[in-house]
Amino acid sequence: MKIQVYQGEESGTLGIGIRIVDKSANLEDLLNAWQPLCDDTSLYRPYGNGANSPCKGCTINCCNTAYVIPDLIAFKKMANHLGLSYE
């Protein structure tokens, strides 16, 4: 994989981070690394149905509180607006 997801501690707080392994990584690589976590029912999700449902079972949409949300539609619109390629 070009991107790795890892669990670590920063300033005394446990969290999840991403590590770019290959500088040619793109949004698809990020989504490929992240999606298995969204589907993993063994992970605790305080807002999920039963606290361990996949992200699509979320009852509150906690993604709204994420620092980075890879939104492909917005990404493509911004690239088109700026005249950039996203392929």
Protein backbone atom coordinates (compact mmCIF):
# COMPACT_ATOMS: atom_id res chain seq x y z
CA MET A 1 0.00 0.00 0.00
CA LYS A 2 1.07 3.54 -0.69
CA ILE A 3 -0.63 4.81 2.48
CA GLN A 4 -0.74 3.17 5.91
CA VAL A 5 -3.23 3.85 8.68
CA TYR A 6 -1.81 3.49 12.18
CA GLN A 7 -2.80 3.99 15.80
CA GLY A 8 -0.54 6.16 17.88
CA GLU A 9 -0.29 8.72 20.64
CA GLU A 10 0.22 12.45 20.16
CA SER A 11 0.49 14.86 23.08
CA GLY A 12 -0.86 12.16 25.39
CA THR A 13 -3.95 11.47 23.28
CA LEU A 14 -4.51 8.17 21.51
CA GLY A 15 -5.58 8.56 17.89
CA ILE A 16 -5.40 7.35 14.32
CA GLY A 17 -2.98 8.70 11.76
CA ILE A 18 -1.94 8.09 8.18
CA ARG A 19 1.56 7.53 6.90
CA ILE A 20 2.38 8.21 3.24
CA VAL A 21 4.72 5.42 2.16
CA ASP A 22 4.89 6.31 -1.53
CA LYS A 23 4.90 9.97 -2.60
CA SER A 24 2.86 9.08 -5.69
CA ALA A 25 -0.11 8.25 -3.42
CA ASN A 26 -3.41 9.82 -4.38
CA LEU A 27 -6.97 10.05 -3.06
CA GLU A 28 -7.81 6.55 -4.27
CA ASP A 29 -4.90 5.18 -2.22
CA LEU A 30 -6.15 7.04 0.86
CA LEU A 31 -9.66 5.67 0.42
CA ASN A 32 -8.31 2.14 -0.12
CA ALA A 33 -6.39 2.39 3.17
CA TRP A 34 -9.30 3.94 5.10
CA GLN A 35 -12.29 1.91 3.84
CA PRO A 36 -11.43 -1.32 5.71
CA LEU A 37 -11.67 0.63 8.99
CA CYS A 38 -15.12 1.91 8.00
CA ASP A 39 -16.33 -1.65 7.39
CA ASP A 40 -14.70 -3.27 10.45
CA THR A 41 -17.43 -4.07 12.98
CA SER A 42 -14.87 -4.94 15.68
CA LEU A 43 -14.00 -1.24 16.10
CA TYR A 44 -15.83 0.73 18.78
CA ARG A 45 -17.96 3.56 17.41
CA PRO A 46 -19.83 5.51 20.09
CA TYR A 47 -22.44 6.77 17.61
CA GLY A 48 -22.92 3.54 15.66
CA ASN A 49 -25.90 1.26 16.01
CA GLY A 50 -24.81 -0.89 18.96
CA ALA A 51 -21.45 0.98 19.13
CA ASN A 52 -19.79 -1.43 16.70
CA SER A 53 -21.69 -1.16 13.42
CA PRO A 54 -19.90 -0.24 10.20
CA CYS A 55 -19.73 3.50 9.51
CA LYS A 56 -22.68 3.30 7.12
CA GLY A 57 -24.76 2.28 10.17
CA CYS A 58 -23.97 5.54 11.95
CA THR A 59 -26.90 7.23 13.68
CA ILE A 60 -25.33 10.69 14.11
CA ASN A 61 -22.78 10.96 11.25
CA CYS A 62 -19.72 11.45 13.42
CA CYS A 63 -17.68 12.02 10.23
CA ASN A 64 -18.80 15.64 10.50
CA THR A 65 -16.33 15.96 13.38
CA ALA A 66 -13.37 14.52 11.47
CA TYR A 67 -10.43 16.79 10.71
CA VAL A 68 -10.08 15.47 7.16
CA ILE A 69 -12.95 14.04 5.13
CA PRO A 70 -11.91 12.80 1.69
CA ASP A 71 -14.89 14.01 -0.34
CA LEU A 72 -14.35 12.91 -3.93
CA ILE A 73 -17.14 15.08 -5.37
CA ALA A 74 -15.78 18.24 -3.77
CA PHE A 75 -12.25 17.23 -4.73
CA LYS A 76 -13.21 16.84 -8.41
CA LYS A 77 -15.14 20.13 -8.45
CA MET A 78 -12.19 21.98 -6.93
CA ALA A 79 -9.78 20.40 -9.40
CA ASN A 80 -12.03 21.40 -12.31
CA HIS A 81 -12.40 24.92 -10.92
CA LEU A 82 -8.61 25.28 -10.66
CA GLY A 83 -8.01 23.62 -14.03
CA LEU A 84 -6.08 20.75 -12.45
CA SER A 85 -6.06 17.05 -13.29
CA TYR A 86 -7.12 14.53 -10.67
CA GLU A 87 -6.57 11.34 -12.67
